[in-house]
PDB file of N, CA and C in Angstrom:
ATOM      1  N   MET A   1      -6.192   5.033 -21.888  1.00  0.00           N
ATOM      2  CA  MET A   1      -5.289   4.672 -20.797  1.00  0.00           C
ATOM      3  C   MET A   1      -4.373   3.559 -21.287  1.00  0.00           C
ATOM      4  N   ASP A   2      -3.097   3.767 -21.122  1.00  0.00           N
ATOM      5  CA  ASP A   2      -2.166   2.754 -21.607  1.00  0.00           C
ATOM      6  C   ASP A   2      -2.050   1.582 -20.630  1.00  0.00           C
ATOM      7  N   GLY A   3      -1.390   0.539 -21.050  1.00  0.00           N
ATOM      8  CA  GLY A   3      -1.294  -0.694 -20.282  1.00  0.00           C
ATOM      9  C   GLY A   3      -0.589  -0.549 -18.948  1.00  0.00           C
ATOM     10  N   ILE A   4       0.458   0.275 -18.897  1.00  0.00           N
ATOM     11  CA  ILE A   4       1.213   0.456 -17.662  1.00  0.00           C
ATOM     12  C   ILE A   4       0.341   1.126 -16.604  1.00  0.00           C
ATOM     13  N   LYS A   5      -0.402   2.157 -16.991  1.00  0.00           N
ATOM     14  CA  LYS A   5      -1.267   2.846 -16.029  1.00  0.00           C
ATOM     15  C   LYS A   5      -2.377   1.930 -15.532  1.00  0.00           C
ATOM     16  N   LYS A   6      -2.935   1.143 -16.440  1.00  0.00           N
ATOM     17  CA  LYS A   6      -3.990   0.215 -16.042  1.00  0.00           C
ATOM     18  C   LYS A   6      -3.445  -0.836 -15.080  1.00  0.00           C
ATOM     19  N   LEU A   7      -2.254  -1.343 -15.348  1.00  0.00           N
ATOM     20  CA  LEU A   7      -1.632  -2.319 -14.467  1.00  0.00           C
ATOM     21  C   LEU A   7      -1.347  -1.699 -13.096  1.00  0.00           C
ATOM     22  N   ALA A   8      -0.884  -0.458 -13.063  1.00  0.00           N
ATOM     23  CA  ALA A   8      -0.615   0.232 -11.798  1.00  0.00           C
ATOM     24  C   ALA A   8      -1.901   0.380 -10.986  1.00  0.00           C
ATOM     25  N   ILE A   9      -3.004   0.675 -11.635  1.00  0.00           N
ATOM     26  CA  ILE A   9      -4.297   0.787 -10.950  1.00  0.00           C
ATOM     27  C   ILE A   9      -4.737  -0.565 -10.396  1.00  0.00           C
ATOM     28  N   ASP A  10      -4.544  -1.613 -11.178  1.00  0.00           N
ATOM     29  CA  ASP A  10      -4.889  -2.964 -10.712  1.00  0.00           C
ATOM     30  C   ASP A  10      -4.035  -3.365  -9.508  1.00  0.00           C
ATOM     31  N   ILE A  11      -2.752  -3.027  -9.541  1.00  0.00           N
ATOM     32  CA  ILE A  11      -1.863  -3.329  -8.419  1.00  0.00           C
ATOM     33  C   ILE A  11      -2.297  -2.548  -7.185  1.00  0.00           C
ATOM     34  N   LYS A  12      -2.651  -1.294  -7.362  1.00  0.00           N
ATOM     35  CA  LYS A  12      -3.134  -0.465  -6.249  1.00  0.00           C
ATOM     36  C   LYS A  12      -4.351  -1.100  -5.602  1.00  0.00           C
ATOM     37  N   ARG A  13      -5.284  -1.546  -6.409  1.00  0.00           N
ATOM     38  CA  ARG A  13      -6.506  -2.180  -5.905  1.00  0.00           C
ATOM     39  C   ARG A  13      -6.174  -3.465  -5.141  1.00  0.00           C
ATOM     40  N   GLU A  14      -5.258  -4.262  -5.664  1.00  0.00           N
ATOM     41  CA  GLU A  14      -4.893  -5.526  -5.025  1.00  0.00           C
ATOM     42  C   GLU A  14      -4.155  -5.290  -3.706  1.00  0.00           C
ATOM     43  N   ILE A  15      -3.249  -4.328  -3.662  1.00  0.00           N
ATOM     44  CA  ILE A  15      -2.532  -4.022  -2.426  1.00  0.00           C
ATOM     45  C   ILE A  15      -3.510  -3.534  -1.359  1.00  0.00           C
ATOM     46  N   SER A  16      -4.450  -2.696  -1.740  1.00  0.00           N
ATOM     47  CA  SER A  16      -5.469  -2.231  -0.791  1.00  0.00           C
ATOM     48  C   SER A  16      -6.271  -3.397  -0.239  1.00  0.00           C
ATOM     49  N   PHE A  17      -6.646  -4.322  -1.103  1.00  0.00           N
ATOM     50  CA  PHE A  17      -7.406  -5.493  -0.675  1.00  0.00           C
ATOM     51  C   PHE A  17      -6.599  -6.328   0.314  1.00  0.00           C
ATOM     52  N   ILE A  18      -5.341  -6.549   0.006  1.00  0.00           N
ATOM     53  CA  ILE A  18      -4.488  -7.359   0.881  1.00  0.00           C
ATOM     54  C   ILE A  18      -4.331  -6.698   2.249  1.00  0.00           C
ATOM     55  N   ILE A  19      -4.068  -5.415   2.274  1.00  0.00           N
ATOM     56  CA  ILE A  19      -3.876  -4.713   3.548  1.00  0.00           C
ATOM     57  C   ILE A  19      -5.154  -4.742   4.383  1.00  0.00           C
ATOM     58  N   ASN A  20      -6.282  -4.537   3.740  1.00  0.00           N
ATOM     59  CA  ASN A  20      -7.541  -4.439   4.479  1.00  0.00           C
ATOM     60  C   ASN A  20      -8.157  -5.775   4.865  1.00  0.00           C
ATOM     61  N   THR A  21      -7.808  -6.864   4.175  1.00  0.00           N
ATOM     62  CA  THR A  21      -8.492  -8.128   4.464  1.00  0.00           C
ATOM     63  C   THR A  21      -7.568  -9.273   4.851  1.00  0.00           C
ATOM     64  N   LYS A  22      -6.361  -9.304   4.372  1.00  0.00           N
ATOM     65  CA  LYS A  22      -5.494 -10.458   4.573  1.00  0.00           C
ATOM     66  C   LYS A  22      -4.488 -10.306   5.705  1.00  0.00           C
ATOM     67  N   ILE A  23      -4.041  -9.103   5.965  1.00  0.00           N
ATOM     68  CA  ILE A  23      -3.042  -8.886   7.003  1.00  0.00           C
ATOM     69  C   ILE A  23      -3.734  -8.862   8.361  1.00  0.00           C
ATOM     70  N   LYS A  24      -3.288  -9.728   9.239  1.00  0.00           N
ATOM     71  CA  LYS A  24      -3.921  -9.868  10.557  1.00  0.00           C
ATOM     72  C   LYS A  24      -3.112  -9.221  11.674  1.00  0.00           C
ATOM     73  N   ASP A  25      -2.181  -8.360  11.332  1.00  0.00           N
ATOM     74  CA  ASP A  25      -1.352  -7.685  12.322  1.00  0.00           C
ATOM     75  C   ASP A  25      -2.206  -6.646  13.062  1.00  0.00           C
ATOM     76  N   PRO A  26      -2.259  -6.708  14.396  1.00  0.00           N
ATOM     77  CA  PRO A  26      -3.079  -5.751  15.143  1.00  0.00           C
ATOM     78  C   PRO A  26      -2.552  -4.318  15.092  1.00  0.00           C
ATOM     79  N   GLY A  27      -1.319  -4.135  14.658  1.00  0.00           N
ATOM     80  CA  GLY A  27      -0.752  -2.797  14.563  1.00  0.00           C
ATOM     81  C   GLY A  27      -1.212  -2.017  13.352  1.00  0.00           C
ATOM     82  N   ILE A  28      -1.803  -2.713  12.385  1.00  0.00           N
ATOM     83  CA  ILE A  28      -2.271  -2.038  11.165  1.00  0.00           C
ATOM     84  C   ILE A  28      -3.475  -1.169  11.507  1.00  0.00           C
ATOM     85  N   GLY A  29      -3.348   0.096  11.247  1.00  0.00           N
ATOM     86  CA  GLY A  29      -4.448   1.023  11.482  1.00  0.00           C
ATOM     87  C   GLY A  29      -5.214   1.273  10.191  1.00  0.00           C
ATOM     88  N   PHE A  30      -5.713   2.487  10.050  1.00  0.00           N
ATOM     89  CA  PHE A  30      -6.475   2.849   8.857  1.00  0.00           C
ATOM     90  C   PHE A  30      -5.498   3.353   7.801  1.00  0.00           C
ATOM     91  N   ILE A  31      -5.186   2.485   6.833  1.00  0.00           N
ATOM     92  CA  ILE A  31      -4.220   2.791   5.780  1.00  0.00           C
ATOM     93  C   ILE A  31      -4.936   2.854   4.443  1.00  0.00           C
ATOM     94  N   THR A  32      -4.641   3.884   3.680  1.00  0.00           N
ATOM     95  CA  THR A  32      -5.200   4.043   2.349  1.00  0.00           C
ATOM     96  C   THR A  32      -4.078   4.105   1.335  1.00  0.00           C
ATOM     97  N   ILE A  33      -4.147   3.275   0.311  1.00  0.00           N
ATOM     98  CA  ILE A  33      -3.200   3.360  -0.799  1.00  0.00           C
ATOM     99  C   ILE A  33      -3.704   4.474  -1.706  1.00  0.00           C
ATOM    100  N   THR A  34      -2.930   5.535  -1.831  1.00  0.00           N
ATOM    101  CA  THR A  34      -3.384   6.696  -2.585  1.00  0.00           C
ATOM    102  C   THR A  34      -2.956   6.669  -4.050  1.00  0.00           C
ATOM    103  N   ASP A  35      -1.818   6.031  -4.336  1.00  0.00           N
ATOM    104  CA  ASP A  35      -1.356   6.004  -5.725  1.00  0.00           C
ATOM    105  C   ASP A  35      -0.292   4.921  -5.878  1.00  0.00           C
ATOM    106  N   THR A  36      -0.159   4.420  -7.089  1.00  0.00           N
ATOM    107  CA  THR A  36       0.932   3.525  -7.454  1.00  0.00           C
ATOM    108  C   THR A  36       1.471   3.991  -8.797  1.00  0.00           C
ATOM    109  N   ARG A  37       2.772   3.942  -8.926  1.00  0.00           N
ATOM    110  CA  ARG A  37       3.404   4.329 -10.191  1.00  0.00           C
ATOM    111  C   ARG A  37       4.380   3.245 -10.602  1.00  0.00           C
ATOM    112  N   LEU A  38       4.130   2.685 -11.745  1.00  0.00           N
ATOM    113  CA  LEU A  38       4.930   1.594 -12.282  1.00  0.00           C
ATOM    114  C   LEU A  38       5.837   2.139 -13.376  1.00  0.00           C
ATOM    115  N   SER A  39       7.111   1.741 -13.333  1.00  0.00           N
ATOM    116  CA  SER A  39       8.039   2.201 -14.366  1.00  0.00           C
ATOM    117  C   SER A  39       7.651   1.590 -15.718  1.00  0.00           C
ATOM    118  N   ILE A  40       8.107   2.194 -16.775  1.00  0.00           N
ATOM    119  CA  ILE A  40       7.769   1.764 -18.129  1.00  0.00           C
ATOM    120  C   ILE A  40       8.163   0.311 -18.365  1.00  0.00           C
ATOM    121  N   ASP A  41       9.328  -0.097 -17.829  1.00  0.00           N
ATOM    122  CA  ASP A  41       9.776  -1.471 -18.040  1.00  0.00           C
ATOM    123  C   ASP A  41       9.176  -2.451 -17.034  1.00  0.00           C
ATOM    124  N   GLY A  42       8.405  -1.949 -16.064  1.00  0.00           N
ATOM    125  CA  GLY A  42       7.745  -2.811 -15.092  1.00  0.00           C
ATOM    126  C   GLY A  42       8.639  -3.312 -13.979  1.00  0.00           C
ATOM    127  N   LYS A  43       9.848  -2.778 -13.861  1.00  0.00           N
ATOM    128  CA  LYS A  43      10.788  -3.251 -12.838  1.00  0.00           C
ATOM    129  C   LYS A  43      10.623  -2.557 -11.497  1.00  0.00           C
ATOM    130  N   TYR A  44      10.090  -1.353 -11.501  1.00  0.00           N
ATOM    131  CA  TYR A  44       9.991  -0.571 -10.277  1.00  0.00           C
ATOM    132  C   TYR A  44       8.554  -0.126 -10.047  1.00  0.00           C
ATOM    133  N   LEU A  45       8.146  -0.180  -8.794  1.00  0.00           N
ATOM    134  CA  LEU A  45       6.805   0.252  -8.417  1.00  0.00           C
ATOM    135  C   LEU A  45       6.921   1.140  -7.186  1.00  0.00           C
ATOM    136  N   ASP A  46       6.382   2.337  -7.279  1.00  0.00           N
ATOM    137  CA  ASP A  46       6.300   3.232  -6.127  1.00  0.00           C
ATOM    138  C   ASP A  46       4.874   3.153  -5.602  1.00  0.00           C
ATOM    139  N   ILE A  47       4.753   2.975  -4.295  1.00  0.00           N
ATOM    140  CA  ILE A  47       3.446   2.888  -3.657  1.00  0.00           C
ATOM    141  C   ILE A  47       3.328   4.062  -2.694  1.00  0.00           C
ATOM    142  N   TYR A  48       2.273   4.845  -2.852  1.00  0.00           N
ATOM    143  CA  TYR A  48       2.011   5.985  -1.989  1.00  0.00           C
ATOM    144  C   TYR A  48       0.814   5.649  -1.112  1.00  0.00           C
ATOM    145  N   PHE A  49       0.933   5.968   0.175  1.00  0.00           N
ATOM    146  CA  PHE A  49      -0.155   5.645   1.091  1.00  0.00           C
ATOM    147  C   PHE A  49      -0.292   6.731   2.137  1.00  0.00           C
ATOM    148  N   SER A  50      -1.440   6.735   2.794  1.00  0.00           N
ATOM    149  CA  SER A  50      -1.659   7.634   3.923  1.00  0.00           C
ATOM    150  C   SER A  50      -2.159   6.804   5.094  1.00  0.00           C
ATOM    151  N   ILE A  51      -1.838   7.269   6.281  1.00  0.00           N
ATOM    152  CA  ILE A  51      -2.248   6.601   7.503  1.00  0.00           C
ATOM    153  C   ILE A  51      -3.010   7.612   8.340  1.00  0.00           C
ATOM    154  N   LEU A  52      -4.227   7.248   8.705  1.00  0.00           N
ATOM    155  CA  LEU A  52      -5.069   8.130   9.497  1.00  0.00           C
ATOM    156  C   LEU A  52      -4.858   7.841  10.969  1.00  0.00           C
ATOM    157  N   GLY A  53      -4.698   8.873  11.763  1.00  0.00           N
ATOM    158  CA  GLY A  53      -4.560   8.702  13.205  1.00  0.00           C
ATOM    159  C   GLY A  53      -3.496   9.610  13.777  1.00  0.00           C
ATOM    160  N   LYS A  54      -3.304   9.446  15.061  1.00  0.00           N
ATOM    161  CA  LYS A  54      -2.307  10.233  15.775  1.00  0.00           C
ATOM    162  C   LYS A  54      -0.914   9.667  15.503  1.00  0.00           C
ATOM    163  N   GLU A  55       0.082  10.382  15.981  1.00  0.00           N
ATOM    164  CA  GLU A  55       1.476  10.009  15.701  1.00  0.00           C
ATOM    165  C   GLU A  55       1.785   8.576  16.149  1.00  0.00           C
ATOM    166  N   ILE A  56       1.304   8.175  17.291  1.00  0.00           N
ATOM    167  CA  ILE A  56       1.597   6.822  17.791  1.00  0.00           C
ATOM    168  C   ILE A  56       0.924   5.763  16.921  1.00  0.00           C
ATOM    169  N   GLU A  57      -0.281   6.052  16.414  1.00  0.00           N
ATOM    170  CA  GLU A  57      -0.965   5.126  15.513  1.00  0.00           C
ATOM    171  C   GLU A  57      -0.245   5.055  14.172  1.00  0.00           C
ATOM    172  N   TYR A  58       0.271   6.203  13.726  1.00  0.00           N
ATOM    173  CA  TYR A  58       1.039   6.251  12.489  1.00  0.00           C
ATOM    174  C   TYR A  58       2.282   5.369  12.608  1.00  0.00           C
ATOM    175  N   GLU A  59       3.022   5.522  13.710  1.00  0.00           N
ATOM    176  CA  GLU A  59       4.239   4.738  13.908  1.00  0.00           C
ATOM    177  C   GLU A  59       3.933   3.243  13.991  1.00  0.00           C
ATOM    178  N   ALA A  60       2.861   2.877  14.700  1.00  0.00           N
ATOM    179  CA  ALA A  60       2.484   1.467  14.828  1.00  0.00           C
ATOM    180  C   ALA A  60       2.109   0.878  13.474  1.00  0.00           C
ATOM    181  N   SER A  61       1.376   1.628  12.677  1.00  0.00           N
ATOM    182  CA  SER A  61       0.979   1.153  11.347  1.00  0.00           C
ATOM    183  C   SER A  61       2.181   1.002  10.434  1.00  0.00           C
ATOM    184  N   LEU A  62       3.080   1.955  10.503  1.00  0.00           N
ATOM    185  CA  LEU A  62       4.286   1.909   9.666  1.00  0.00           C
ATOM    186  C   LEU A  62       5.154   0.712  10.052  1.00  0.00           C
ATOM    187  N   GLU A  63       5.307   0.455  11.340  1.00  0.00           N
ATOM    188  CA  GLU A  63       6.063  -0.708  11.788  1.00  0.00           C
ATOM    189  C   GLU A  63       5.393  -2.001  11.348  1.00  0.00           C
ATOM    190  N   ALA A  64       4.065  -2.065  11.420  1.00  0.00           N
ATOM    191  CA  ALA A  64       3.328  -3.261  11.000  1.00  0.00           C
ATOM    192  C   ALA A  64       3.512  -3.491   9.503  1.00  0.00           C
ATOM    193  N   LEU A  65       3.476  -2.433   8.706  1.00  0.00           N
ATOM    194  CA  LEU A  65       3.709  -2.577   7.264  1.00  0.00           C
ATOM    195  C   LEU A  65       5.123  -3.090   6.992  1.00  0.00           C
ATOM    196  N   ASN A  66       6.078  -2.585   7.719  1.00  0.00           N
ATOM    197  CA  ASN A  66       7.461  -3.043   7.536  1.00  0.00           C
ATOM    198  C   ASN A  66       7.625  -4.509   7.917  1.00  0.00           C
ATOM    199  N   ARG A  67       6.896  -4.968   8.922  1.00  0.00           N
ATOM    200  CA  ARG A  67       6.957  -6.390   9.298  1.00  0.00           C
ATOM    201  C   ARG A  67       6.356  -7.278   8.210  1.00  0.00           C
ATOM    202  N   CYS A  68       5.394  -6.754   7.457  1.00  0.00           N
ATOM    203  CA  CYS A  68       4.674  -7.550   6.456  1.00  0.00           C
ATOM    204  C   CYS A  68       5.335  -7.554   5.083  1.00  0.00           C
ATOM    205  N   ARG A  69       6.283  -6.699   4.876  1.00  0.00           N
ATOM    206  CA  ARG A  69       6.851  -6.615   3.527  1.00  0.00           C
ATOM    207  C   ARG A  69       7.700  -7.848   3.220  1.00  0.00           C
ATOM    208  N   GLY A  70       7.760  -8.148   1.950  1.00  0.00           N
ATOM    209  CA  GLY A  70       8.502  -9.330   1.530  1.00  0.00           C
ATOM    210  C   GLY A  70       9.774  -8.999   0.838  1.00  0.00           C
TER     211      GLY A  70
END
């Protein structure tokens, strides 16, 4: 496994930890980070996630994530 893939896995693990333990927004539902892909130069990161629940729970979770982004 090359360094970029290992770093992407570490970032995925850290983002999951932050979402599940540090974010105190009540709108956050059950969110799973499914994959992260880091560009070769390390400038771009794509984060893939899934949200479990009905449409209204999905929308609330998505809005909560948008409020938390930096």
